[in-house]
Amino acid sequence: PAVMTVDRIINNRGMKVDRKRLERLIELSVHNTKLTGENLKAAAPKLNANSTKQVHEYLDTLGFKLKGADGKLSLNKFQVQGFLQNPEAYFTGDDSNFSEALETVKEFLELRKEASGLAESKLMTAMEVLDDDDYIRDQLVYYGAPTGRWTGRKLQPHNIATNDGHGVDI
């Protein structure tokens, strides 16, 4: 009961958000997604970057296969992180082209990630749940997971990066 009381206090208090900054971040994110999409199209004009099959075929032409421990091709964030940490382990091409191919793949994967509009989606969700008094409330769920930990709803505040050089405070 004590934790449930604290949970209610936290959810009632909410998180203060600078509405004007949030609106500006949305504008910038929309603009960035558009520009990134154009850059992605310029980098690989005939490629549908949303097609996993086409992306793997493209990476293969550059000499890279992003396979997991199970041997299956994957573009999930853990696979891409593994690739970025140890690209040599994923290289199947001609060694003389490694550096150039690696830079091309890194740029492509970064553009693909940016073009997905994930930041825009999260910012739009924040705007959607923002109350008239510029607070976001009721986003934490006590015992939302079988382990008893808190989970989030809609905005998922526990997944927001902090302003430590890796994210933006809203």
N, C-alpha and C. Protein backbone atom coordinates (compact mmCIF):
# COMPACT_ATOMS: atom_id res chain seq x y z
N PRO A 1 0.81 -1.22 0.00
CA PRO A 1 0.00 0.00 0.00
C PRO A 1 0.84 1.28 0.00
N ALA A 2 1.98 1.26 0.69
CA ALA A 2 2.82 2.45 0.75
C ALA A 2 3.38 2.78 -0.65
N VAL A 3 3.79 1.76 -1.37
CA VAL A 3 4.32 1.97 -2.71
C VAL A 3 3.22 2.47 -3.63
N MET A 4 2.02 1.94 -3.48
CA MET A 4 0.90 2.38 -4.31
C MET A 4 0.56 3.84 -4.03
N THR A 5 0.72 4.27 -2.79
CA THR A 5 0.48 5.66 -2.44
C THR A 5 1.53 6.56 -3.11
N VAL A 6 2.80 6.13 -3.04
CA VAL A 6 3.87 6.89 -3.69
C VAL A 6 3.64 6.92 -5.20
N ASP A 7 3.23 5.80 -5.77
CA ASP A 7 2.93 5.73 -7.20
C ASP A 7 1.88 6.78 -7.57
N ARG A 8 0.83 6.88 -6.80
CA ARG A 8 -0.24 7.85 -7.09
C ARG A 8 0.29 9.27 -6.97
N ILE A 9 1.13 9.52 -5.96
CA ILE A 9 1.71 10.86 -5.78
C ILE A 9 2.57 11.23 -7.00
N ILE A 10 3.41 10.29 -7.42
CA ILE A 10 4.28 10.53 -8.59
C ILE A 10 3.44 10.81 -9.82
N ASN A 11 2.44 9.99 -10.08
CA ASN A 11 1.62 10.15 -11.28
C ASN A 11 0.75 11.41 -11.23
N ASN A 12 0.32 11.80 -10.04
CA ASN A 12 -0.45 13.04 -9.93
C ASN A 12 0.43 14.27 -10.15
N ARG A 13 1.66 14.20 -9.64
CA ARG A 13 2.59 15.32 -9.79
C ARG A 13 2.96 15.50 -11.26
N GLY A 14 3.31 14.43 -11.90
CA GLY A 14 3.66 14.49 -13.31
C GLY A 14 5.03 15.08 -13.58
N MET A 15 5.26 15.34 -14.85
CA MET A 15 6.54 15.89 -15.30
C MET A 15 6.26 17.19 -16.04
N LYS A 16 6.93 18.24 -15.64
CA LYS A 16 6.78 19.54 -16.28
C LYS A 16 7.48 19.53 -17.63
N VAL A 17 6.82 20.05 -18.65
CA VAL A 17 7.37 20.09 -20.00
C VAL A 17 7.28 21.52 -20.53
N ASP A 18 8.32 21.96 -21.17
CA ASP A 18 8.32 23.25 -21.83
C ASP A 18 7.62 23.09 -23.18
N ARG A 19 6.37 23.50 -23.25
CA ARG A 19 5.55 23.29 -24.44
C ARG A 19 6.17 23.90 -25.70
N LYS A 20 6.67 25.13 -25.58
CA LYS A 20 7.26 25.79 -26.75
C LYS A 20 8.49 25.03 -27.25
N ARG A 21 9.30 24.56 -26.32
CA ARG A 21 10.47 23.77 -26.72
C ARG A 21 10.04 22.46 -27.38
N LEU A 22 9.03 21.82 -26.82
CA LEU A 22 8.52 20.58 -27.40
C LEU A 22 7.98 20.82 -28.81
N GLU A 23 7.24 21.90 -29.00
CA GLU A 23 6.72 22.23 -30.34
C GLU A 23 7.86 22.48 -31.32
N ARG A 24 8.90 23.17 -30.87
CA ARG A 24 10.04 23.45 -31.74
C ARG A 24 10.81 22.16 -32.06
N LEU A 25 10.95 21.29 -31.07
CA LEU A 25 11.61 20.01 -31.30
C LEU A 25 10.85 19.17 -32.33
N ILE A 26 9.53 19.23 -32.28
CA ILE A 26 8.72 18.51 -33.27
C ILE A 26 8.98 19.07 -34.66
N GLU A 27 8.96 20.40 -34.79
CA GLU A 27 9.25 21.04 -36.09
C GLU A 27 10.61 20.61 -36.62
N LEU A 28 11.61 20.67 -35.76
CA LEU A 28 12.96 20.30 -36.18
C LEU A 28 13.05 18.82 -36.55
N SER A 29 12.37 17.99 -35.79
CA SER A 29 12.39 16.57 -36.07
C SER A 29 11.73 16.23 -37.41
N VAL A 30 10.61 16.88 -37.69
CA VAL A 30 9.92 16.67 -38.97
C VAL A 30 10.85 17.08 -40.11
N HIS A 31 11.48 18.24 -39.96
CA HIS A 31 12.39 18.75 -40.98
C HIS A 31 13.59 17.79 -41.15
N ASN A 32 14.16 17.35 -40.03
CA ASN A 32 15.31 16.44 -40.07
C ASN A 32 14.95 15.12 -40.74
N THR A 33 13.78 14.58 -40.43
CA THR A 33 13.36 13.31 -41.03
C THR A 33 13.22 13.46 -42.54
N LYS A 34 12.68 14.58 -42.98
CA LYS A 34 12.52 14.83 -44.42
C LYS A 34 13.89 14.91 -45.11
N LEU A 35 14.79 15.72 -44.54
CA LEU A 35 16.13 15.87 -45.12
C LEU A 35 16.89 14.55 -45.12
N THR A 36 16.78 13.83 -44.04
CA THR A 36 17.49 12.55 -43.94
C THR A 36 16.95 11.57 -44.96
N GLY A 37 15.64 11.56 -45.15
CA GLY A 37 15.05 10.70 -46.17
C GLY A 37 15.58 11.03 -47.55
N GLU A 38 15.72 12.31 -47.84
CA GLU A 38 16.27 12.73 -49.13
C GLU A 38 17.73 12.29 -49.27
N ASN A 39 18.50 12.44 -48.19
CA ASN A 39 19.91 12.01 -48.21
C ASN A 39 20.02 10.50 -48.37
N LEU A 40 19.13 9.79 -47.74
CA LEU A 40 19.12 8.33 -47.84
C LEU A 40 18.81 7.91 -49.27
N LYS A 41 17.86 8.58 -49.89
CA LYS A 41 17.50 8.29 -51.27
C LYS A 41 18.67 8.60 -52.20
N ALA A 42 19.40 9.67 -51.92
CA ALA A 42 20.56 10.01 -52.74
C ALA A 42 21.68 8.98 -52.57
N ALA A 43 21.84 8.47 -51.34
CA ALA A 43 22.91 7.50 -51.08
C ALA A 43 22.62 6.15 -51.73
N ALA A 44 21.35 5.76 -51.75
CA ALA A 44 20.98 4.47 -52.34
C ALA A 44 19.64 4.64 -53.06
N PRO A 45 19.68 5.24 -54.27
CA PRO A 45 18.45 5.65 -54.97
C PRO A 45 17.43 4.55 -55.26
N LYS A 46 17.88 3.34 -55.52
CA LYS A 46 16.94 2.28 -55.90
C LYS A 46 16.55 1.39 -54.73
N LEU A 47 16.97 1.78 -53.55
CA LEU A 47 16.77 0.95 -52.37
C LEU A 47 15.60 1.44 -51.53
N ASN A 48 14.75 0.54 -51.13
CA ASN A 48 13.71 0.84 -50.16
C ASN A 48 14.31 0.53 -48.78
N ALA A 49 14.68 1.56 -48.05
CA ALA A 49 15.37 1.39 -46.77
C ALA A 49 14.49 0.74 -45.72
N ASN A 50 13.18 0.65 -45.96
CA ASN A 50 12.28 -0.02 -45.03
C ASN A 50 12.19 -1.51 -45.30
N SER A 51 12.75 -1.95 -46.41
CA SER A 51 12.74 -3.36 -46.76
C SER A 51 13.98 -4.04 -46.19
N THR A 52 13.78 -4.87 -45.20
CA THR A 52 14.91 -5.57 -44.58
C THR A 52 15.66 -6.39 -45.62
N LYS A 53 14.94 -7.04 -46.49
CA LYS A 53 15.57 -7.86 -47.52
C LYS A 53 16.47 -7.01 -48.42
N GLN A 54 15.94 -5.87 -48.89
CA GLN A 54 16.73 -5.00 -49.76
C GLN A 54 17.94 -4.43 -49.03
N VAL A 55 17.78 -4.10 -47.76
CA VAL A 55 18.91 -3.55 -47.00
C VAL A 55 20.00 -4.61 -46.86
N HIS A 56 19.61 -5.84 -46.55
CA HIS A 56 20.61 -6.90 -46.43
C HIS A 56 21.31 -7.15 -47.77
N GLU A 57 20.56 -7.09 -48.86
CA GLU A 57 21.17 -7.25 -50.19
C GLU A 57 22.16 -6.13 -50.46
N TYR A 58 21.79 -4.90 -50.09
CA TYR A 58 22.67 -3.75 -50.27
C TYR A 58 23.94 -3.91 -49.44
N LEU A 59 23.79 -4.28 -48.17
CA LEU A 59 24.95 -4.46 -47.31
C LEU A 59 25.86 -5.57 -47.85
N ASP A 60 25.24 -6.61 -48.41
CA ASP A 60 26.01 -7.71 -48.98
C ASP A 60 26.86 -7.23 -50.15
N THR A 61 26.32 -6.32 -50.96
CA THR A 61 27.11 -5.79 -52.09
C THR A 61 28.33 -5.00 -51.60
N LEU A 62 28.23 -4.49 -50.37
CA LEU A 62 29.35 -3.75 -49.78
C LEU A 62 30.28 -4.67 -48.98
N GLY A 63 29.90 -5.95 -48.89
CA GLY A 63 30.76 -6.91 -48.21
C GLY A 63 30.44 -7.15 -46.75
N PHE A 64 29.22 -6.83 -46.32
CA PHE A 64 28.85 -7.02 -44.92
C PHE A 64 27.60 -7.88 -44.80
N LYS A 65 27.63 -8.80 -43.85
CA LYS A 65 26.46 -9.61 -43.53
C LYS A 65 26.20 -9.44 -42.04
N LEU A 66 25.06 -8.86 -41.69
CA LEU A 66 24.71 -8.67 -40.28
C LEU A 66 23.92 -9.87 -39.79
N LYS A 67 24.67 -10.88 -39.36
CA LYS A 67 24.08 -12.13 -38.85
C LYS A 67 24.27 -12.20 -37.35
N GLY A 68 23.24 -12.70 -36.69
CA GLY A 68 23.31 -12.91 -35.25
C GLY A 68 23.99 -14.22 -34.91
N ALA A 69 24.06 -14.53 -33.63
CA ALA A 69 24.68 -15.78 -33.17
C ALA A 69 23.93 -16.99 -33.72
N ASP A 70 22.64 -16.81 -34.01
CA ASP A 70 21.83 -17.90 -34.56
C ASP A 70 22.03 -18.07 -36.06
N GLY A 71 22.85 -17.19 -36.67
CA GLY A 71 23.13 -17.29 -38.09
C GLY A 71 22.11 -16.60 -38.98
N LYS A 72 21.09 -16.01 -38.38
CA LYS A 72 20.05 -15.33 -39.16
C LYS A 72 20.40 -13.86 -39.36
N LEU A 73 20.07 -13.36 -40.55
CA LEU A 73 20.28 -11.95 -40.84
C LEU A 73 19.34 -11.11 -39.97
N SER A 74 19.85 -10.00 -39.46
CA SER A 74 19.03 -9.16 -38.59
C SER A 74 19.51 -7.72 -38.65
N LEU A 75 18.56 -6.80 -38.51
CA LEU A 75 18.89 -5.38 -38.43
C LEU A 75 18.39 -4.78 -37.12
N ASN A 76 18.13 -5.63 -36.12
CA ASN A 76 17.65 -5.08 -34.85
C ASN A 76 18.77 -4.26 -34.20
N LYS A 77 18.40 -3.47 -33.21
CA LYS A 77 19.37 -2.52 -32.64
C LYS A 77 20.56 -3.22 -32.02
N PHE A 78 20.37 -4.42 -31.46
CA PHE A 78 21.48 -5.13 -30.84
C PHE A 78 22.47 -5.62 -31.91
N GLN A 79 21.92 -6.06 -33.04
CA GLN A 79 22.77 -6.52 -34.14
C GLN A 79 23.57 -5.35 -34.71
N VAL A 80 22.91 -4.21 -34.90
CA VAL A 80 23.60 -3.03 -35.44
C VAL A 80 24.65 -2.54 -34.44
N GLN A 81 24.33 -2.55 -33.14
CA GLN A 81 25.32 -2.16 -32.14
C GLN A 81 26.54 -3.08 -32.17
N GLY A 82 26.27 -4.38 -32.29
CA GLY A 82 27.37 -5.35 -32.38
C GLY A 82 28.23 -5.09 -33.60
N PHE A 83 27.58 -4.79 -34.71
CA PHE A 83 28.31 -4.47 -35.93
C PHE A 83 29.18 -3.24 -35.73
N LEU A 84 28.62 -2.19 -35.14
CA LEU A 84 29.37 -0.94 -34.96
C LEU A 84 30.55 -1.13 -34.01
N GLN A 85 30.43 -2.03 -33.05
CA GLN A 85 31.52 -2.28 -32.11
C GLN A 85 32.63 -3.14 -32.70
N ASN A 86 32.24 -4.04 -33.62
CA ASN A 86 33.22 -4.96 -34.18
C ASN A 86 32.89 -5.26 -35.64
N PRO A 87 33.03 -4.27 -36.52
CA PRO A 87 32.62 -4.46 -37.91
C PRO A 87 33.40 -5.54 -38.66
N GLU A 88 34.63 -5.78 -38.24
CA GLU A 88 35.44 -6.80 -38.91
C GLU A 88 34.78 -8.17 -38.85
N ALA A 89 34.05 -8.44 -37.78
CA ALA A 89 33.41 -9.74 -37.61
C ALA A 89 32.27 -9.96 -38.60
N TYR A 90 31.80 -8.89 -39.23
CA TYR A 90 30.67 -8.97 -40.15
C TYR A 90 31.10 -8.79 -41.61
N PHE A 91 32.39 -8.58 -41.81
CA PHE A 91 32.90 -8.29 -43.16
C PHE A 91 33.20 -9.57 -43.92
N THR A 92 32.66 -9.66 -45.13
CA THR A 92 32.89 -10.84 -45.97
C THR A 92 33.49 -10.45 -47.32
N GLY A 93 33.79 -9.17 -47.48
CA GLY A 93 34.26 -8.67 -48.77
C GLY A 93 35.77 -8.69 -48.92
N ASP A 94 36.21 -7.97 -49.91
CA ASP A 94 37.64 -7.84 -50.24
C ASP A 94 38.29 -6.88 -49.23
N ASP A 95 39.33 -7.33 -48.57
CA ASP A 95 39.99 -6.53 -47.52
C ASP A 95 40.45 -5.16 -47.99
N SER A 96 40.76 -5.02 -49.28
CA SER A 96 41.24 -3.74 -49.78
C SER A 96 40.14 -2.68 -49.78
N ASN A 97 38.89 -3.11 -49.70
CA ASN A 97 37.75 -2.17 -49.71
C ASN A 97 37.13 -1.96 -48.33
N PHE A 98 37.71 -2.56 -47.29
CA PHE A 98 37.08 -2.55 -45.97
C PHE A 98 36.78 -1.15 -45.46
N SER A 99 37.77 -0.28 -45.41
CA SER A 99 37.59 1.06 -44.82
C SER A 99 36.52 1.86 -45.55
N GLU A 100 36.58 1.86 -46.86
CA GLU A 100 35.61 2.62 -47.66
C GLU A 100 34.21 2.02 -47.50
N ALA A 101 34.12 0.71 -47.56
CA ALA A 101 32.82 0.04 -47.42
C ALA A 101 32.24 0.28 -46.03
N LEU A 102 33.09 0.24 -45.02
CA LEU A 102 32.64 0.45 -43.64
C LEU A 102 32.05 1.85 -43.47
N GLU A 103 32.71 2.86 -43.99
CA GLU A 103 32.19 4.23 -43.89
C GLU A 103 30.85 4.36 -44.60
N THR A 104 30.70 3.73 -45.75
CA THR A 104 29.45 3.77 -46.51
C THR A 104 28.34 3.10 -45.71
N VAL A 105 28.64 1.95 -45.11
CA VAL A 105 27.62 1.22 -44.33
C VAL A 105 27.24 2.00 -43.08
N LYS A 106 28.21 2.55 -42.39
CA LYS A 106 27.92 3.34 -41.18
C LYS A 106 27.02 4.52 -41.52
N GLU A 107 27.36 5.24 -42.58
CA GLU A 107 26.55 6.39 -42.99
C GLU A 107 25.14 5.94 -43.36
N PHE A 108 25.04 4.86 -44.11
CA PHE A 108 23.74 4.36 -44.53
C PHE A 108 22.88 3.98 -43.32
N LEU A 109 23.46 3.23 -42.37
CA LEU A 109 22.70 2.79 -41.19
C LEU A 109 22.26 3.98 -40.34
N GLU A 110 23.12 5.00 -40.24
CA GLU A 110 22.76 6.20 -39.47
C GLU A 110 21.61 6.95 -40.16
N LEU A 111 21.71 7.10 -41.48
CA LEU A 111 20.63 7.76 -42.23
C LEU A 111 19.32 6.97 -42.11
N ARG A 112 19.43 5.66 -42.20
CA ARG A 112 18.24 4.80 -42.10
C ARG A 112 17.57 4.98 -40.74
N LYS A 113 18.38 5.01 -39.69
CA LYS A 113 17.85 5.20 -38.34
C LYS A 113 17.18 6.57 -38.21
N GLU A 114 17.85 7.61 -38.68
CA GLU A 114 17.30 8.97 -38.61
C GLU A 114 16.02 9.11 -39.42
N ALA A 115 15.99 8.47 -40.59
CA ALA A 115 14.83 8.60 -41.47
C ALA A 115 13.60 7.87 -40.93
N SER A 116 13.81 7.01 -39.96
CA SER A 116 12.68 6.24 -39.42
C SER A 116 11.69 7.14 -38.67
N GLY A 117 12.13 8.32 -38.24
CA GLY A 117 11.23 9.25 -37.57
C GLY A 117 10.89 8.84 -36.15
N LEU A 118 11.72 8.04 -35.50
CA LEU A 118 11.43 7.61 -34.13
C LEU A 118 11.36 8.79 -33.17
N ALA A 119 12.28 9.73 -33.31
CA ALA A 119 12.27 10.90 -32.42
C ALA A 119 10.97 11.68 -32.61
N GLU A 120 10.58 11.85 -33.85
CA GLU A 120 9.35 12.57 -34.15
C GLU A 120 8.16 11.88 -33.49
N SER A 121 8.11 10.58 -33.58
CA SER A 121 7.01 9.81 -32.99
C SER A 121 6.96 9.99 -31.48
N LYS A 122 8.11 9.94 -30.82
CA LYS A 122 8.15 10.11 -29.37
C LYS A 122 7.74 11.53 -28.96
N LEU A 123 8.19 12.50 -29.74
CA LEU A 123 7.83 13.89 -29.44
C LEU A 123 6.33 14.12 -29.64
N MET A 124 5.77 13.52 -30.68
CA MET A 124 4.33 13.66 -30.93
C MET A 124 3.54 13.00 -29.80
N THR A 125 4.02 11.88 -29.29
CA THR A 125 3.36 11.22 -28.17
C THR A 125 3.40 12.12 -26.94
N ALA A 126 4.54 12.77 -26.71
CA ALA A 126 4.64 13.69 -25.57
C ALA A 126 3.61 14.82 -25.71
N MET A 127 3.46 15.36 -26.90
CA MET A 127 2.49 16.43 -27.12
C MET A 127 1.06 15.92 -26.90
N GLU A 128 0.83 14.70 -27.32
CA GLU A 128 -0.51 14.09 -27.19
C GLU A 128 -0.93 13.92 -25.72
N VAL A 129 0.02 13.59 -24.85
CA VAL A 129 -0.32 13.34 -23.45
C VAL A 129 -0.09 14.56 -22.55
N LEU A 130 0.34 15.66 -23.14
CA LEU A 130 0.60 16.89 -22.39
C LEU A 130 -0.72 17.54 -21.95
N ASP A 131 -0.85 17.75 -20.65
CA ASP A 131 -2.05 18.42 -20.12
C ASP A 131 -1.99 19.92 -20.40
N ASP A 132 -3.12 20.57 -20.23
CA ASP A 132 -3.22 22.01 -20.49
C ASP A 132 -2.27 22.84 -19.63
N ASP A 133 -1.90 22.33 -18.45
CA ASP A 133 -0.99 23.06 -17.56
C ASP A 133 0.48 22.70 -17.81
N ASP A 134 0.76 22.05 -18.95
CA ASP A 134 2.11 21.69 -19.37
C ASP A 134 2.78 20.63 -18.49
N TYR A 135 1.98 19.74 -17.94
CA TYR A 135 2.48 18.59 -17.21
C TYR A 135 2.03 17.32 -17.92
N ILE A 136 2.90 16.34 -17.88
CA ILE A 136 2.54 15.01 -18.38
C ILE A 136 2.35 14.13 -17.15
N ARG A 137 1.18 13.54 -17.04
CA ARG A 137 0.83 12.74 -15.86
C ARG A 137 0.41 11.34 -16.24
N ASP A 138 0.35 10.50 -15.22
CA ASP A 138 -0.16 9.13 -15.34
C ASP A 138 0.56 8.32 -16.41
N GLN A 139 1.88 8.40 -16.43
CA GLN A 139 2.66 7.66 -17.41
C GLN A 139 3.38 6.46 -16.81
N LEU A 140 3.35 6.32 -15.50
CA LEU A 140 4.01 5.20 -14.84
C LEU A 140 2.97 4.22 -14.30
N VAL A 141 3.26 2.93 -14.45
CA VAL A 141 2.35 1.89 -13.99
C VAL A 141 3.11 1.02 -12.99
N TYR A 142 2.69 1.06 -11.73
CA TYR A 142 3.33 0.23 -10.72
C TYR A 142 2.93 -1.22 -10.93
N TYR A 143 3.90 -2.09 -10.85
CA TYR A 143 3.74 -3.53 -11.05
C TYR A 143 3.20 -3.82 -12.44
N GLY A 144 3.68 -3.05 -13.41
CA GLY A 144 3.26 -3.25 -14.79
C GLY A 144 3.92 -4.44 -15.44
N ALA A 145 4.99 -4.92 -14.83
CA ALA A 145 5.69 -6.11 -15.33
C ALA A 145 5.60 -7.21 -14.27
N PRO A 146 5.68 -8.45 -14.69
CA PRO A 146 5.57 -9.56 -13.73
C PRO A 146 6.59 -9.50 -12.60
N THR A 147 7.71 -8.81 -12.83
CA THR A 147 8.74 -8.70 -11.80
C THR A 147 8.37 -7.69 -10.72
N GLY A 148 7.31 -6.91 -10.95
CA GLY A 148 6.89 -5.91 -9.97
C GLY A 148 7.44 -4.53 -10.23
N ARG A 149 8.25 -4.38 -11.26
CA ARG A 149 8.81 -3.06 -11.54
C ARG A 149 7.77 -2.17 -12.21
N TRP A 150 8.09 -0.87 -12.21
CA TRP A 150 7.25 0.08 -12.92
C TRP A 150 7.42 -0.10 -14.43
N THR A 151 6.38 0.16 -15.15
CA THR A 151 6.45 0.24 -16.60
C THR A 151 5.83 1.57 -17.00
N GLY A 152 5.84 1.85 -18.28
CA GLY A 152 5.27 3.11 -18.74
C GLY A 152 4.09 2.87 -19.66
N ARG A 153 3.31 3.91 -19.83
CA ARG A 153 2.25 3.87 -20.82
C ARG A 153 2.42 5.05 -21.74
N LYS A 154 2.08 4.88 -22.97
CA LYS A 154 2.18 5.89 -24.03
C LYS A 154 3.59 6.46 -24.16
N LEU A 155 3.94 7.50 -23.41
CA LEU A 155 5.22 8.18 -23.55
C LEU A 155 6.39 7.30 -23.10
N GLN A 156 6.19 6.44 -22.14
CA GLN A 156 7.25 5.58 -21.60
C GLN A 156 8.41 6.43 -21.08
N PRO A 157 8.17 7.21 -20.03
CA PRO A 157 9.19 8.16 -19.57
C PRO A 157 10.51 7.52 -19.17
N HIS A 158 10.51 6.27 -18.79
CA HIS A 158 11.76 5.61 -18.40
C HIS A 158 12.67 5.38 -19.60
N ASN A 159 12.17 5.57 -20.82
CA ASN A 159 12.99 5.40 -22.02
C ASN A 159 13.50 6.72 -22.60
N ILE A 160 13.21 7.81 -21.95
CA ILE A 160 13.64 9.11 -22.43
C ILE A 160 15.10 9.33 -22.04
N ALA A 161 15.92 9.68 -23.01
CA ALA A 161 17.33 9.96 -22.72
C ALA A 161 17.43 11.23 -21.90
N THR A 162 18.44 11.31 -21.07
CA THR A 162 18.66 12.51 -20.27
C THR A 162 19.58 13.45 -21.02
N ASN A 163 19.69 14.65 -20.53
CA ASN A 163 20.53 15.65 -21.19
C ASN A 163 21.97 15.50 -20.70
N ASP A 164 22.55 14.35 -21.03
CA ASP A 164 23.94 14.09 -20.66
C ASP A 164 24.81 13.97 -21.91
N GLY A 165 24.35 14.60 -22.98
CA GLY A 165 25.07 14.51 -24.23
C GLY A 165 24.49 13.44 -25.15
N HIS A 166 23.54 12.66 -24.64
CA HIS A 166 22.94 11.59 -25.43
C HIS A 166 21.46 11.82 -25.69
N GLY A 167 20.94 12.91 -25.24
CA GLY A 167 19.52 13.15 -25.43
C GLY A 167 19.18 14.60 -25.17
N VAL A 168 17.89 14.88 -25.16
CA VAL A 168 17.42 16.25 -24.98
C VAL A 168 16.38 16.27 -23.88
N ASP A 169 16.52 17.17 -22.93
CA ASP A 169 15.46 17.35 -21.94
C ASP A 169 14.31 18.07 -22.58
N ILE A 170 13.10 17.57 -22.38
CA ILE A 170 11.93 18.27 -22.89
C ILE A 170 11.19 18.83 -21.70
